[in-house]
Protein backbone atom coordinates (compact mmCIF):
# COMPACT_ATOMS: atom_id res chain seq x y z
CA MET A 1 -0.35 -0.18 -0.15
CA ILE A 2 3.02 2.14 1.02
CA ARG A 3 4.56 1.53 -2.44
CA LEU A 4 1.32 2.22 -4.30
CA THR A 5 1.32 5.89 -2.38
CA MET A 6 4.31 6.35 -3.26
CA LEU A 7 4.28 5.39 -6.83
CA LEU A 8 1.26 7.72 -7.31
CA LEU A 9 3.03 10.95 -5.65
CA SER A 10 5.89 10.47 -7.84
CA LEU A 11 3.28 10.26 -10.91
CA LEU A 12 1.44 13.33 -9.89
CA LEU A 13 4.77 15.38 -9.07
CA ALA A 14 6.05 14.44 -12.17
CA ALA A 15 3.33 15.70 -14.20
CA LEU A 16 3.25 19.29 -12.17
CA PRO A 17 6.00 20.48 -14.30
CA ALA A 18 4.41 19.80 -17.56
CA ARG A 19 1.04 21.84 -16.75
CA ALA A 20 2.66 24.47 -15.64
CA GLN A 21 4.31 25.01 -18.88
CA ILE A 22 3.55 27.48 -21.41
CA PRO A 23 1.69 25.92 -24.67
CA ALA A 24 4.00 26.85 -26.98
CA GLU A 25 1.25 27.41 -29.48
CA TRP A 26 0.12 30.60 -26.87
CA GLN A 27 3.81 31.58 -26.68
CA ALA A 28 3.81 32.38 -30.78
CA ALA A 29 0.16 33.34 -30.67
CA ALA A 30 1.18 36.57 -28.25
CA GLN A 31 3.67 37.13 -30.36
CA ALA A 32 2.31 37.59 -33.38
CA VAL A 33 -0.64 39.43 -32.27
CA MET A 34 1.20 41.72 -30.20
CA ASN A 35 3.71 42.52 -33.36
CA GLU A 36 0.61 42.78 -35.42
CA LEU A 37 -1.39 45.34 -33.15
CA ASP A 38 2.38 47.70 -32.62
CA ARG A 39 2.70 47.37 -36.84
CA ASP A 40 1.90 50.90 -37.23
CA ASP A 41 4.01 51.90 -33.99
CA PRO A 42 7.88 51.57 -35.56
CA LYS A 43 9.29 52.23 -31.84
CA ALA A 44 6.90 49.42 -30.12
CA ALA A 45 7.34 47.22 -32.90
CA ALA A 46 11.15 47.50 -32.47
CA LYS A 47 11.05 46.72 -28.75
CA PRO A 48 12.48 43.23 -28.27
CA TRP A 49 11.16 40.12 -26.76
CA THR A 50 12.64 39.72 -23.42
CA GLY A 51 10.79 37.94 -20.41
CA GLU A 52 7.17 39.02 -21.24
CA LEU A 53 5.72 35.78 -22.32
CA ALA A 54 6.77 34.15 -18.98
CA GLN A 55 5.77 37.58 -17.17
CA GLY A 56 2.70 37.53 -18.85
CA TRP A 57 1.65 33.51 -18.10
CA ASN A 58 2.87 33.93 -14.04
CA LEU A 59 0.93 37.11 -13.99
CA ALA A 60 -2.62 35.51 -15.61
CA ARG A 61 -1.88 32.51 -13.28
CA ALA A 62 -1.58 34.66 -10.15
CA TRP A 63 -4.60 37.20 -11.38
CA ARG A 64 -6.50 33.76 -12.25
CA LEU A 65 -5.78 32.31 -8.57
CA HIS A 66 -6.69 35.77 -6.67
CA ASN A 67 -10.27 36.00 -8.54
CA ASN A 68 -11.09 32.58 -9.43
CA GLY A 69 -9.53 30.28 -6.88
CA ASN A 70 -7.56 28.14 -9.90
CA ILE A 71 -4.63 28.42 -12.16
CA GLU A 72 -6.47 26.94 -15.30
CA ILE A 73 -6.24 30.79 -17.15
CA ILE A 74 -7.73 31.15 -21.06
CA LEU A 75 -5.57 32.33 -24.10
CA ALA A 76 -7.40 35.53 -23.50
CA GLU A 77 -5.91 35.88 -19.89
CA TYR A 78 -2.78 35.29 -21.23
CA LEU A 79 -2.66 37.61 -23.79
CA THR A 80 -3.99 40.53 -21.73
CA PHE A 81 -1.26 39.79 -19.10
CA THR A 82 1.82 39.55 -21.66
CA ALA A 83 0.60 42.77 -23.27
CA LEU A 84 0.61 44.44 -19.97
CA CYS A 85 3.91 42.65 -19.30
CA ARG A 86 5.11 44.18 -22.68
CA GLN A 87 3.79 47.50 -22.20
CA PRO A 88 3.58 49.08 -19.50
CA GLY A 89 5.66 46.45 -18.13
CA CYS A 90 4.25 44.32 -15.19
CA GLY A 91 7.50 44.47 -12.55
CA GLY A 92 6.42 43.30 -9.05
CA SER A 93 3.52 41.67 -10.25
CA THR A 94 1.51 45.05 -11.24
CA VAL A 95 -0.55 45.96 -13.40
CA ALA A 96 -0.69 49.29 -14.99
CA GLY A 97 1.45 50.47 -12.25
CA GLN A 98 -0.52 48.90 -9.17
CA GLY A 99 -0.68 45.99 -7.77
CA TYR A 100 -3.09 43.16 -9.47
CA GLN A 101 -4.70 42.54 -6.17
CA ALA A 102 -5.58 46.34 -5.79
CA MET A 103 -6.74 46.58 -9.96
CA SER A 104 -8.57 43.02 -8.90
CA GLN A 105 -10.56 45.01 -6.47
CA GLN A 106 -10.79 48.43 -8.65
CA VAL A 107 -12.69 45.29 -11.20
CA LYS A 108 -14.80 43.65 -8.56
CA THR A 109 -16.06 47.00 -7.20
CA LEU A 110 -16.90 48.16 -10.84
CA ARG A 111 -19.06 45.13 -11.65
CA ALA A 112 -20.94 46.01 -8.59
CA GLN A 113 -21.53 49.45 -10.09
CA GLN A 114 -23.04 48.00 -13.30
CA GLY A 115 -25.00 45.28 -11.74
CA SER A 116 -24.16 42.10 -13.88
CA PRO A 117 -21.40 41.42 -16.67
CA TYR A 118 -24.50 42.17 -19.49
CA THR A 119 -24.92 45.87 -18.16
CA LEU A 120 -20.84 46.15 -18.21
CA ALA A 121 -20.63 45.09 -21.72
CA SER A 122 -22.80 47.39 -22.96
CA GLY A 123 -22.04 50.37 -20.72
CA ALA A 124 -19.00 49.66 -22.15
CA HIS A 125 -19.72 50.07 -25.55
CA ALA A 126 -22.17 52.36 -25.19
CA TRP A 127 -19.52 54.68 -23.74
CA LEU A 128 -16.84 53.72 -26.57
CA ALA A 129 -19.33 54.79 -29.16
CA GLY A 130 -19.18 58.14 -27.99
CA LEU A 131 -15.77 58.83 -27.77
CA ALA A 132 -14.69 61.05 -30.51
CA ASP A 133 -12.02 58.56 -32.13
CA PRO A 134 -10.66 60.06 -35.30
CA THR A 135 -10.23 56.88 -37.24
CA GLY A 136 -14.33 55.46 -36.30
CA ALA A 137 -13.14 52.12 -35.21
CA ALA A 138 -14.66 53.11 -31.74
CA ALA A 139 -17.99 53.15 -33.35
CA LYS A 140 -17.54 50.37 -35.66
CA ASN A 141 -16.15 47.91 -32.64
CA ALA A 142 -19.28 49.38 -30.30
CA ALA A 143 -21.65 48.36 -32.83
CA MET A 144 -20.10 44.75 -33.75
CA TRP A 145 -19.56 43.48 -30.07
CA GLU A 146 -23.37 44.47 -29.17
CA LYS A 147 -24.62 41.92 -31.08
CA ASP A 148 -23.57 39.54 -28.84
CA LEU A 149 -22.82 39.90 -25.61
CA ASP A 150 -22.79 36.53 -24.32
CA VAL A 151 -19.32 36.90 -25.25
CA PRO A 152 -17.44 38.99 -23.02
CA SER A 153 -20.33 38.40 -20.36
CA ALA A 154 -21.03 34.57 -20.15
CA ASP A 155 -18.15 33.66 -18.49
CA PHE A 156 -16.28 35.00 -14.99
CA ALA A 157 -13.29 35.01 -16.28
CA THR A 158 -13.94 37.11 -19.63
CA GLY A 159 -16.41 39.43 -17.77
CA ASN A 160 -13.20 40.32 -15.64
CA LEU A 161 -11.47 40.73 -18.41
CA TYR A 162 -13.69 43.20 -20.11
CA ALA A 163 -13.98 45.47 -17.04
CA LEU A 164 -10.17 45.66 -16.58
CA ALA A 165 -9.58 46.47 -20.14
CA TRP A 166 -12.49 49.63 -19.27
CA LEU A 167 -10.38 50.49 -16.60
CA LEU A 168 -7.59 50.84 -18.48
CA ALA A 169 -8.73 52.60 -21.72
CA ARG A 170 -10.86 54.78 -19.04
CA ALA A 171 -7.09 56.09 -17.66
CA ARG A 172 -5.66 57.04 -20.91
CA PRO A 173 -5.74 60.59 -21.39
CA THR A 174 -7.18 60.97 -24.72
CA PRO A 175 -11.07 60.39 -26.46
CA ALA A 176 -8.20 58.47 -28.85
CA GLU A 177 -6.24 56.37 -26.78
CA GLN A 178 -8.99 55.19 -24.82
CA ALA A 179 -10.72 54.02 -27.99
CA ASN A 180 -7.50 52.64 -28.96
CA THR A 181 -6.68 50.97 -25.44
CA PHE A 182 -10.14 49.95 -24.91
CA ALA A 183 -9.95 48.21 -28.66
CA ARG A 184 -6.45 46.17 -27.87
CA PHE A 185 -7.38 44.89 -24.86
CA ALA A 186 -11.11 43.84 -25.80
CA LEU A 187 -9.71 42.09 -29.37
CA PHE A 188 -8.04 39.44 -26.64
CA VAL A 189 -11.79 38.75 -25.50
CA GLN A 190 -13.99 39.56 -28.39
CA GLY A 191 -11.27 37.88 -30.47
CA LYS A 192 -11.94 40.36 -33.71
CA ALA A 193 -11.63 44.05 -33.24
CA TRP A 194 -11.27 47.42 -35.49
CA ILE A 195 -7.61 49.01 -34.64
CA GLY A 196 -7.78 52.33 -36.39
CA THR A 197 -8.29 51.44 -40.04
CA ARG A 198 -7.67 47.31 -39.63
CA CYS A 199 -10.24 44.98 -38.98
CA LEU A 200 -8.04 42.16 -36.93
CA ASP A 201 -9.24 38.25 -36.10
CA ILE A 202 -7.54 36.37 -33.73
CA THR A 203 -10.11 33.53 -33.60
CA LYS A 204 -8.02 30.90 -35.10
CA VAL A 205 -4.49 32.18 -34.26
CA ALA A 206 -3.40 29.63 -31.51
CA ALA A 207 -5.47 26.91 -33.20
CA VAL A 208 -2.95 25.54 -36.03
CA LEU A 209 -0.38 23.68 -34.09
CA ASP A 210 2.07 23.09 -37.38
CA ALA A 211 2.09 26.36 -38.68
CA PRO A 212 2.85 29.69 -37.89
CA PRO A 213 0.27 31.55 -35.95
CA LYS A 214 -1.76 34.12 -38.19
CA VAL A 215 -3.38 37.43 -37.14
CA GLU A 216 -6.33 37.71 -40.15
CA ALA A 217 -8.17 40.18 -41.44
CA CYS A 218 -11.99 40.17 -40.56
CA LYS A 219 -14.54 38.76 -43.08
């Protein structure tokens, strides 16, 4: 009995590192998506990749554990926190310069104020549609995303990410920056978004295992 217990324990411990590894397709997808988002910003596009892929993974898991009580993150969470680790940086497990626990509390407060994740999503879309965005992307995104509120609202994790995206966007100084910030982070949840004059589709970016990830144009 003791030998069987030890065998089971050794098998469990052997399996833990594998579960802790970042899926290779997620890492490739993150780089492809971030590079596409930064395509029109030469300074951001030229920034070398350092430890953001691992930092984003660790921060996403810490966020998930704090909010959901588990570390089984989804791709949208990984992309969100990898993006935050890339710009502005996530040293000390921070989100936009604040500890992730403090930012989580702001998300929780915003969700409570809105009443439900569905009213939060609709409120964010109405706010977005009213922004003076010179590219016109804000209004187009708001109209596209309002058609199916289940996408950001039906799951607790995506509801948290949408609230976080709204908080991050509202903190930006100009309407154009607010619209762009919300679009970039909402893309990770929605799968499709207008970024300036381009409509990006990342719904299949991590689905292909035997080919480089590809960010597609919306159809």
